[in-house]
């Protein structure tokens, strides 16, 4: 029962999507007037 409960939790938490992460790859310059994230 515990195992199946854990499986259910794992299944439900894996089906619930998580937030992502963001990182500035490059900032805008006069030569390239846009930033890339």
ModelCIF file with pLDDT and N, C-alpha, C, O atoms, coordinates in Angstrom:
data_MODEL
#
_entry.id   MODEL 
#
_entity.id                         1 
_entity.type                       polymer 
_entity.pdbx_number_of_molecules   1 
#
_entity_poly.entity_id                      1 
_entity_poly.type                           'polypeptide(L)' 
_entity_poly.nstd_linkage                   no 
_entity_poly.nstd_monomer                   no 
_entity_poly.pdbx_seq_one_letter_code       
;(UNK)(UNK)(UNK)(UNK)(UNK)(UNK)(UNK)(UNK)(UNK)(UNK)(UNK)(UNK)(UNK)(UNK)(UNK)(UNK)
(UNK)(UNK)(UNK)(UNK)(UNK)(UNK)(UNK)(UNK)(UNK)(UNK)(UNK)(UNK)(UNK)(UNK)(UNK)(UNK)
(UNK)(UNK)(UNK)(UNK)(UNK)
;
_entity_poly.pdbx_seq_one_letter_code_can   XXXXXXXXXXXXXXXXXXXXXXXXXXXXXXXXXXXXX 
_entity_poly.pdbx_strand_id                 A 
#
loop_
_entity_poly_seq.entity_id 
_entity_poly_seq.num 
_entity_poly_seq.mon_id 
_entity_poly_seq.hetero 
1 1  UNK n 
1 2  UNK n 
1 3  UNK n 
1 4  UNK n 
1 5  UNK n 
1 6  UNK n 
1 7  UNK n 
1 8  UNK n 
1 9  UNK n 
1 10 UNK n 
1 11 UNK n 
1 12 UNK n 
1 13 UNK n 
1 14 UNK n 
1 15 UNK n 
1 16 UNK n 
1 17 UNK n 
1 18 UNK n 
1 19 UNK n 
1 20 UNK n 
1 21 UNK n 
1 22 UNK n 
1 23 UNK n 
1 24 UNK n 
1 25 UNK n 
1 26 UNK n 
1 27 UNK n 
1 28 UNK n 
1 29 UNK n 
1 30 UNK n 
1 31 UNK n 
1 32 UNK n 
1 33 UNK n 
1 34 UNK n 
1 35 UNK n 
1 36 UNK n 
1 37 UNK n 
#
_struct_asym.id          A 
_struct_asym.entity_id   1 
#
loop_
_ma_qa_metric.id 
_ma_qa_metric.mode 
_ma_qa_metric.name 
_ma_qa_metric.software_group_id 
_ma_qa_metric.type 
1 global pLDDT . pLDDT 
2 local  pLDDT . pLDDT 
#
_ma_qa_metric_global.metric_id      1 
_ma_qa_metric_global.metric_value   73.41 
_ma_qa_metric_global.model_id       1 
_ma_qa_metric_global.ordinal_id     1 
#
loop_
_ma_qa_metric_local.label_asym_id 
_ma_qa_metric_local.label_comp_id 
_ma_qa_metric_local.label_seq_id 
_ma_qa_metric_local.metric_id 
_ma_qa_metric_local.metric_value 
_ma_qa_metric_local.model_id 
_ma_qa_metric_local.ordinal_id 
A UNK 1  2 37.00 1 1  
A UNK 2  2 32.00 1 2  
A UNK 3  2 34.00 1 3  
A UNK 4  2 33.00 1 4  
A UNK 5  2 34.00 1 5  
A UNK 6  2 36.00 1 6  
A UNK 7  2 37.00 1 7  
A UNK 8  2 35.00 1 8  
A UNK 9  2 36.00 1 9  
A UNK 10 2 38.00 1 10 
A UNK 11 2 40.00 1 11 
A UNK 12 2 42.00 1 12 
A UNK 13 2 47.00 1 13 
A UNK 14 2 50.00 1 14 
A UNK 15 2 66.00 1 15 
A UNK 16 2 87.00 1 16 
A UNK 17 2 92.00 1 17 
A UNK 18 2 96.00 1 18 
A UNK 19 2 97.00 1 19 
A UNK 20 2 97.00 1 20 
A UNK 21 2 98.00 1 21 
A UNK 22 2 98.00 1 22 
A UNK 23 2 98.00 1 23 
A UNK 24 2 98.00 1 24 
A UNK 25 2 98.00 1 25 
A UNK 26 2 98.00 1 26 
A UNK 27 2 98.00 1 27 
A UNK 28 2 97.00 1 28 
A UNK 29 2 96.00 1 29 
A UNK 30 2 94.00 1 30 
A UNK 31 2 95.00 1 31 
A UNK 32 2 96.00 1 32 
A UNK 33 2 97.00 1 33 
A UNK 34 2 96.00 1 34 
A UNK 35 2 97.00 1 35 
A UNK 36 2 98.00 1 36 
A UNK 37 2 98.00 1 37 
#
loop_
_atom_site.group_PDB 
_atom_site.id 
_atom_site.type_symbol 
_atom_site.label_atom_id 
_atom_site.label_alt_id 
_atom_site.label_comp_id 
_atom_site.label_asym_id 
_atom_site.label_entity_id 
_atom_site.label_seq_id 
_atom_site.pdbx_PDB_ins_code 
_atom_site.Cartn_x 
_atom_site.Cartn_y 
_atom_site.Cartn_z 
_atom_site.occupancy 
_atom_site.B_iso_or_equiv 
_atom_site.pdbx_formal_charge 
_atom_site.auth_seq_id 
_atom_site.auth_comp_id 
_atom_site.auth_asym_id 
_atom_site.auth_atom_id 
_atom_site.pdbx_PDB_model_num 
ATOM 1   N N  . UNK A 1 1  ? 0.835  -1.196 0.000   1.00 37.00 ? 1  UNK A N  1 
ATOM 2   C CA . UNK A 1 1  ? 0.000  0.000  0.000   1.00 37.00 ? 1  UNK A CA 1 
ATOM 3   C C  . UNK A 1 1  ? 0.872  1.249  0.000   1.00 37.00 ? 1  UNK A C  1 
ATOM 4   O O  . UNK A 1 1  ? 0.620  2.199  -0.742  1.00 37.00 ? 1  UNK A O  1 
ATOM 5   N N  . UNK A 1 2  ? 1.907  1.233  0.849   1.00 32.00 ? 2  UNK A N  1 
ATOM 6   C CA . UNK A 1 2  ? 2.822  2.366  0.903   1.00 32.00 ? 2  UNK A CA 1 
ATOM 7   C C  . UNK A 1 2  ? 3.506  2.540  -0.451  1.00 32.00 ? 2  UNK A C  1 
ATOM 8   O O  . UNK A 1 2  ? 3.612  3.650  -0.972  1.00 32.00 ? 2  UNK A O  1 
ATOM 9   N N  . UNK A 1 3  ? 3.961  1.430  -1.002  1.00 34.00 ? 3  UNK A N  1 
ATOM 10  C CA . UNK A 1 3  ? 4.628  1.488  -2.292  1.00 34.00 ? 3  UNK A CA 1 
ATOM 11  C C  . UNK A 1 3  ? 3.684  2.010  -3.358  1.00 34.00 ? 3  UNK A C  1 
ATOM 12  O O  . UNK A 1 3  ? 4.061  2.860  -4.165  1.00 34.00 ? 3  UNK A O  1 
ATOM 13  N N  . UNK A 1 4  ? 2.445  1.501  -3.366  1.00 33.00 ? 4  UNK A N  1 
ATOM 14  C CA . UNK A 1 4  ? 1.515  1.975  -4.385  1.00 33.00 ? 4  UNK A CA 1 
ATOM 15  C C  . UNK A 1 4  ? 1.162  3.435  -4.155  1.00 33.00 ? 4  UNK A C  1 
ATOM 16  O O  . UNK A 1 4  ? 0.952  4.184  -5.109  1.00 33.00 ? 4  UNK A O  1 
ATOM 17  N N  . UNK A 1 5  ? 1.095  3.848  -2.877  1.00 34.00 ? 5  UNK A N  1 
ATOM 18  C CA . UNK A 1 5  ? 0.847  5.260  -2.587  1.00 34.00 ? 5  UNK A CA 1 
ATOM 19  C C  . UNK A 1 5  ? 2.007  6.089  -3.099  1.00 34.00 ? 5  UNK A C  1 
ATOM 20  O O  . UNK A 1 5  ? 1.805  7.132  -3.722  1.00 34.00 ? 5  UNK A O  1 
ATOM 21  N N  . UNK A 1 6  ? 3.211  5.634  -2.842  1.00 36.00 ? 6  UNK A N  1 
ATOM 22  C CA . UNK A 1 6  ? 4.380  6.351  -3.338  1.00 36.00 ? 6  UNK A CA 1 
ATOM 23  C C  . UNK A 1 6  ? 4.377  6.390  -4.857  1.00 36.00 ? 6  UNK A C  1 
ATOM 24  O O  . UNK A 1 6  ? 4.696  7.415  -5.458  1.00 36.00 ? 6  UNK A O  1 
ATOM 25  N N  . UNK A 1 7  ? 4.018  5.282  -5.471  1.00 37.00 ? 7  UNK A N  1 
ATOM 26  C CA . UNK A 1 7  ? 3.952  5.272  -6.930  1.00 37.00 ? 7  UNK A CA 1 
ATOM 27  C C  . UNK A 1 7  ? 2.922  6.280  -7.412  1.00 37.00 ? 7  UNK A C  1 
ATOM 28  O O  . UNK A 1 7  ? 3.148  7.006  -8.380  1.00 37.00 ? 7  UNK A O  1 
ATOM 29  N N  . UNK A 1 8  ? 1.783  6.314  -6.721  1.00 35.00 ? 8  UNK A N  1 
ATOM 30  C CA . UNK A 1 8  ? 0.758  7.283  -7.096  1.00 35.00 ? 8  UNK A CA 1 
ATOM 31  C C  . UNK A 1 8  ? 1.284  8.693  -6.956  1.00 35.00 ? 8  UNK A C  1 
ATOM 32  O O  . UNK A 1 8  ? 1.061  9.534  -7.827  1.00 35.00 ? 8  UNK A O  1 
ATOM 33  N N  . UNK A 1 9  ? 1.996  8.963  -5.843  1.00 36.00 ? 9  UNK A N  1 
ATOM 34  C CA . UNK A 1 9  ? 2.559  10.283 -5.631  1.00 36.00 ? 9  UNK A CA 1 
ATOM 35  C C  . UNK A 1 9  ? 3.553  10.604 -6.727  1.00 36.00 ? 9  UNK A C  1 
ATOM 36  O O  . UNK A 1 9  ? 3.546  11.697 -7.293  1.00 36.00 ? 9  UNK A O  1 
ATOM 37  N N  . UNK A 1 10 ? 4.415  9.629  -7.021  1.00 38.00 ? 10 UNK A N  1 
ATOM 38  C CA . UNK A 1 10 ? 5.415  9.840  -8.048  1.00 38.00 ? 10 UNK A CA 1 
ATOM 39  C C  . UNK A 1 10 ? 4.734  10.077 -9.384  1.00 38.00 ? 10 UNK A C  1 
ATOM 40  O O  . UNK A 1 10 ? 5.113  10.978 -10.133 1.00 38.00 ? 10 UNK A O  1 
ATOM 41  N N  . UNK A 1 11 ? 3.741  9.275  -9.677  1.00 40.00 ? 11 UNK A N  1 
ATOM 42  C CA . UNK A 1 11 ? 3.021  9.442  -10.923 1.00 40.00 ? 11 UNK A CA 1 
ATOM 43  C C  . UNK A 1 11 ? 2.350  10.803 -10.976 1.00 40.00 ? 11 UNK A C  1 
ATOM 44  O O  . UNK A 1 11 ? 2.430  11.497 -11.990 1.00 40.00 ? 11 UNK A O  1 
ATOM 45  N N  . UNK A 1 12 ? 1.688  11.191 -9.886  1.00 42.00 ? 12 UNK A N  1 
ATOM 46  C CA . UNK A 1 12 ? 1.001  12.475 -9.912  1.00 42.00 ? 12 UNK A CA 1 
ATOM 47  C C  . UNK A 1 12 ? 1.989  13.625 -9.941  1.00 42.00 ? 12 UNK A C  1 
ATOM 48  O O  . UNK A 1 12 ? 1.739  14.630 -10.607 1.00 42.00 ? 12 UNK A O  1 
ATOM 49  N N  . UNK A 1 13 ? 3.129  13.503 -9.221  1.00 47.00 ? 13 UNK A N  1 
ATOM 50  C CA . UNK A 1 13 ? 4.080  14.600 -9.250  1.00 47.00 ? 13 UNK A CA 1 
ATOM 51  C C  . UNK A 1 13 ? 4.804  14.659 -10.591 1.00 47.00 ? 13 UNK A C  1 
ATOM 52  O O  . UNK A 1 13 ? 5.207  15.736 -11.029 1.00 47.00 ? 13 UNK A O  1 
ATOM 53  N N  . UNK A 1 14 ? 4.973  13.501 -11.251 1.00 50.00 ? 14 UNK A N  1 
ATOM 54  C CA . UNK A 1 14 ? 5.612  13.550 -12.560 1.00 50.00 ? 14 UNK A CA 1 
ATOM 55  C C  . UNK A 1 14 ? 4.636  14.084 -13.615 1.00 50.00 ? 14 UNK A C  1 
ATOM 56  O O  . UNK A 1 14 ? 5.056  14.629 -14.636 1.00 50.00 ? 14 UNK A O  1 
ATOM 57  N N  . UNK A 1 15 ? 3.324  13.922 -13.360 1.00 66.00 ? 15 UNK A N  1 
ATOM 58  C CA . UNK A 1 15 ? 2.362  14.467 -14.310 1.00 66.00 ? 15 UNK A CA 1 
ATOM 59  C C  . UNK A 1 15 ? 2.121  15.956 -14.068 1.00 66.00 ? 15 UNK A C  1 
ATOM 60  O O  . UNK A 1 15 ? 1.664  16.661 -14.967 1.00 66.00 ? 15 UNK A O  1 
ATOM 61  N N  . UNK A 1 16 ? 2.422  16.434 -12.873 1.00 87.00 ? 16 UNK A N  1 
ATOM 62  C CA . UNK A 1 16 ? 2.318  17.861 -12.584 1.00 87.00 ? 16 UNK A CA 1 
ATOM 63  C C  . UNK A 1 16 ? 3.602  18.520 -13.070 1.00 87.00 ? 16 UNK A C  1 
ATOM 64  O O  . UNK A 1 16 ? 4.692  18.203 -12.592 1.00 87.00 ? 16 UNK A O  1 
ATOM 65  N N  . UNK A 1 17 ? 3.470  19.424 -14.008 1.00 92.00 ? 17 UNK A N  1 
ATOM 66  C CA . UNK A 1 17 ? 4.654  20.046 -14.593 1.00 92.00 ? 17 UNK A CA 1 
ATOM 67  C C  . UNK A 1 17 ? 5.289  21.051 -13.643 1.00 92.00 ? 17 UNK A C  1 
ATOM 68  O O  . UNK A 1 17 ? 4.608  21.677 -12.831 1.00 92.00 ? 17 UNK A O  1 
ATOM 69  N N  . UNK A 1 18 ? 6.590  21.192 -13.757 1.00 96.00 ? 18 UNK A N  1 
ATOM 70  C CA . UNK A 1 18 ? 7.353  22.108 -12.927 1.00 96.00 ? 18 UNK A CA 1 
ATOM 71  C C  . UNK A 1 18 ? 7.747  23.338 -13.729 1.00 96.00 ? 18 UNK A C  1 
ATOM 72  O O  . UNK A 1 18 ? 7.773  23.315 -14.960 1.00 96.00 ? 18 UNK A O  1 
ATOM 73  N N  . UNK A 1 19 ? 8.054  24.419 -13.004 1.00 97.00 ? 19 UNK A N  1 
ATOM 74  C CA . UNK A 1 19 ? 8.572  25.614 -13.656 1.00 97.00 ? 19 UNK A CA 1 
ATOM 75  C C  . UNK A 1 19 ? 9.926  25.306 -14.265 1.00 97.00 ? 19 UNK A C  1 
ATOM 76  O O  . UNK A 1 19 ? 10.623 24.385 -13.839 1.00 97.00 ? 19 UNK A O  1 
ATOM 77  N N  . UNK A 1 20 ? 10.287 26.094 -15.272 1.00 97.00 ? 20 UNK A N  1 
ATOM 78  C CA . UNK A 1 20 ? 11.581 25.937 -15.909 1.00 97.00 ? 20 UNK A CA 1 
ATOM 79  C C  . UNK A 1 20 ? 12.588 26.917 -15.333 1.00 97.00 ? 20 UNK A C  1 
ATOM 80  O O  . UNK A 1 20 ? 12.321 27.587 -14.335 1.00 97.00 ? 20 UNK A O  1 
ATOM 81  N N  . UNK A 1 21 ? 13.740 26.993 -15.968 1.00 98.00 ? 21 UNK A N  1 
ATOM 82  C CA . UNK A 1 21 ? 14.766 27.950 -15.564 1.00 98.00 ? 21 UNK A CA 1 
ATOM 83  C C  . UNK A 1 21 ? 15.124 28.823 -16.753 1.00 98.00 ? 21 UNK A C  1 
ATOM 84  O O  . UNK A 1 21 ? 14.996 28.421 -17.910 1.00 98.00 ? 21 UNK A O  1 
ATOM 85  N N  . UNK A 1 22 ? 15.580 30.043 -16.434 1.00 98.00 ? 22 UNK A N  1 
ATOM 86  C CA . UNK A 1 22 ? 15.963 30.995 -17.483 1.00 98.00 ? 22 UNK A CA 1 
ATOM 87  C C  . UNK A 1 22 ? 17.340 31.547 -17.171 1.00 98.00 ? 22 UNK A C  1 
ATOM 88  O O  . UNK A 1 22 ? 17.701 31.734 -16.009 1.00 98.00 ? 22 UNK A O  1 
ATOM 89  N N  . UNK A 1 23 ? 18.108 31.808 -18.227 1.00 98.00 ? 23 UNK A N  1 
ATOM 90  C CA . UNK A 1 23 ? 19.470 32.287 -18.097 1.00 98.00 ? 23 UNK A CA 1 
ATOM 91  C C  . UNK A 1 23 ? 19.778 33.229 -19.249 1.00 98.00 ? 23 UNK A C  1 
ATOM 92  O O  . UNK A 1 23 ? 19.462 32.930 -20.400 1.00 98.00 ? 23 UNK A O  1 
ATOM 93  N N  . UNK A 1 24 ? 20.398 34.377 -18.941 1.00 98.00 ? 24 UNK A N  1 
ATOM 94  C CA . UNK A 1 24 ? 20.806 35.294 -20.008 1.00 98.00 ? 24 UNK A CA 1 
ATOM 95  C C  . UNK A 1 24 ? 22.038 34.691 -20.680 1.00 98.00 ? 24 UNK A C  1 
ATOM 96  O O  . UNK A 1 24 ? 23.071 34.494 -20.040 1.00 98.00 ? 24 UNK A O  1 
ATOM 97  N N  . UNK A 1 25 ? 21.921 34.406 -21.959 1.00 98.00 ? 25 UNK A N  1 
ATOM 98  C CA . UNK A 1 25 ? 23.036 33.867 -22.738 1.00 98.00 ? 25 UNK A CA 1 
ATOM 99  C C  . UNK A 1 25 ? 23.899 35.023 -23.236 1.00 98.00 ? 25 UNK A C  1 
ATOM 100 O O  . UNK A 1 25 ? 25.127 34.956 -23.183 1.00 98.00 ? 25 UNK A O  1 
ATOM 101 N N  . UNK A 1 26 ? 23.252 36.081 -23.718 1.00 98.00 ? 26 UNK A N  1 
ATOM 102 C CA . UNK A 1 26 ? 23.980 37.275 -24.161 1.00 98.00 ? 26 UNK A CA 1 
ATOM 103 C C  . UNK A 1 26 ? 23.081 38.496 -23.993 1.00 98.00 ? 26 UNK A C  1 
ATOM 104 O O  . UNK A 1 26 ? 21.862 38.424 -24.153 1.00 98.00 ? 26 UNK A O  1 
ATOM 105 N N  . UNK A 1 27 ? 23.715 39.611 -23.667 1.00 98.00 ? 27 UNK A N  1 
ATOM 106 C CA . UNK A 1 27 ? 22.976 40.864 -23.498 1.00 98.00 ? 27 UNK A CA 1 
ATOM 107 C C  . UNK A 1 27 ? 23.067 41.644 -24.815 1.00 98.00 ? 27 UNK A C  1 
ATOM 108 O O  . UNK A 1 27 ? 23.946 41.394 -25.640 1.00 98.00 ? 27 UNK A O  1 
ATOM 109 N N  . UNK A 1 28 ? 22.165 42.570 -24.990 1.00 97.00 ? 28 UNK A N  1 
ATOM 110 C CA . UNK A 1 28 ? 22.143 43.390 -26.210 1.00 97.00 ? 28 UNK A CA 1 
ATOM 111 C C  . UNK A 1 28 ? 23.361 44.308 -26.262 1.00 97.00 ? 28 UNK A C  1 
ATOM 112 O O  . UNK A 1 28 ? 23.841 44.786 -25.234 1.00 97.00 ? 28 UNK A O  1 
ATOM 113 N N  . UNK A 1 29 ? 23.845 44.541 -27.464 1.00 96.00 ? 29 UNK A N  1 
ATOM 114 C CA . UNK A 1 29 ? 24.942 45.481 -27.716 1.00 96.00 ? 29 UNK A CA 1 
ATOM 115 C C  . UNK A 1 29 ? 24.568 46.317 -28.925 1.00 96.00 ? 29 UNK A C  1 
ATOM 116 O O  . UNK A 1 29 ? 23.550 46.058 -29.567 1.00 96.00 ? 29 UNK A O  1 
ATOM 117 N N  . UNK A 1 30 ? 25.382 47.321 -29.244 1.00 94.00 ? 30 UNK A N  1 
ATOM 118 C CA . UNK A 1 30 ? 25.118 48.123 -30.432 1.00 94.00 ? 30 UNK A CA 1 
ATOM 119 C C  . UNK A 1 30 ? 25.250 47.271 -31.686 1.00 94.00 ? 30 UNK A C  1 
ATOM 120 O O  . UNK A 1 30 ? 24.521 47.468 -32.658 1.00 94.00 ? 30 UNK A O  1 
ATOM 121 N N  . UNK A 1 31 ? 26.171 46.334 -31.661 1.00 95.00 ? 31 UNK A N  1 
ATOM 122 C CA . UNK A 1 31 ? 26.374 45.455 -32.819 1.00 95.00 ? 31 UNK A CA 1 
ATOM 123 C C  . UNK A 1 31 ? 25.239 44.442 -32.967 1.00 95.00 ? 31 UNK A C  1 
ATOM 124 O O  . UNK A 1 31 ? 24.811 44.139 -34.081 1.00 95.00 ? 31 UNK A O  1 
ATOM 125 N N  . UNK A 1 32 ? 24.759 43.924 -31.847 1.00 96.00 ? 32 UNK A N  1 
ATOM 126 C CA . UNK A 1 32 ? 23.651 42.953 -31.848 1.00 96.00 ? 32 UNK A CA 1 
ATOM 127 C C  . UNK A 1 32 ? 22.599 43.489 -30.873 1.00 96.00 ? 32 UNK A C  1 
ATOM 128 O O  . UNK A 1 32 ? 22.698 43.263 -29.667 1.00 96.00 ? 32 UNK A O  1 
ATOM 129 N N  . UNK A 1 33 ? 21.588 44.201 -31.394 1.00 97.00 ? 33 UNK A N  1 
ATOM 130 C CA . UNK A 1 33 ? 20.639 44.916 -30.527 1.00 97.00 ? 33 UNK A CA 1 
ATOM 131 C C  . UNK A 1 33 ? 19.548 44.053 -29.886 1.00 97.00 ? 33 UNK A C  1 
ATOM 132 O O  . UNK A 1 33 ? 18.404 44.494 -29.772 1.00 97.00 ? 33 UNK A O  1 
ATOM 133 N N  . UNK A 1 34 ? 19.876 42.861 -29.478 1.00 96.00 ? 34 UNK A N  1 
ATOM 134 C CA . UNK A 1 34 ? 18.907 42.024 -28.768 1.00 96.00 ? 34 UNK A CA 1 
ATOM 135 C C  . UNK A 1 34 ? 19.638 41.139 -27.760 1.00 96.00 ? 34 UNK A C  1 
ATOM 136 O O  . UNK A 1 34 ? 20.802 40.784 -27.946 1.00 96.00 ? 34 UNK A O  1 
ATOM 137 N N  . UNK A 1 35 ? 18.946 40.806 -26.722 1.00 97.00 ? 35 UNK A N  1 
ATOM 138 C CA . UNK A 1 35 ? 19.461 39.873 -25.714 1.00 97.00 ? 35 UNK A CA 1 
ATOM 139 C C  . UNK A 1 35 ? 18.903 38.490 -26.025 1.00 97.00 ? 35 UNK A C  1 
ATOM 140 O O  . UNK A 1 35 ? 17.823 38.355 -26.599 1.00 97.00 ? 35 UNK A O  1 
ATOM 141 N N  . UNK A 1 36 ? 19.652 37.477 -25.639 1.00 98.00 ? 36 UNK A N  1 
ATOM 142 C CA . UNK A 1 36 ? 19.200 36.103 -25.821 1.00 98.00 ? 36 UNK A CA 1 
ATOM 143 C C  . UNK A 1 36 ? 19.082 35.444 -24.454 1.00 98.00 ? 36 UNK A C  1 
ATOM 144 O O  . UNK A 1 36 ? 20.014 35.463 -23.651 1.00 98.00 ? 36 UNK A O  1 
ATOM 145 N N  . UNK A 1 37 ? 17.913 34.861 -24.213 1.00 98.00 ? 37 UNK A N  1 
ATOM 146 C CA . UNK A 1 37 ? 17.643 34.158 -22.954 1.00 98.00 ? 37 UNK A CA 1 
ATOM 147 C C  . UNK A 1 37 ? 17.369 32.697 -23.286 1.00 98.00 ? 37 UNK A C  1 
ATOM 148 O O  . UNK A 1 37 ? 17.114 31.897 -22.386 1.00 98.00 ? 37 UNK A O  1 
#
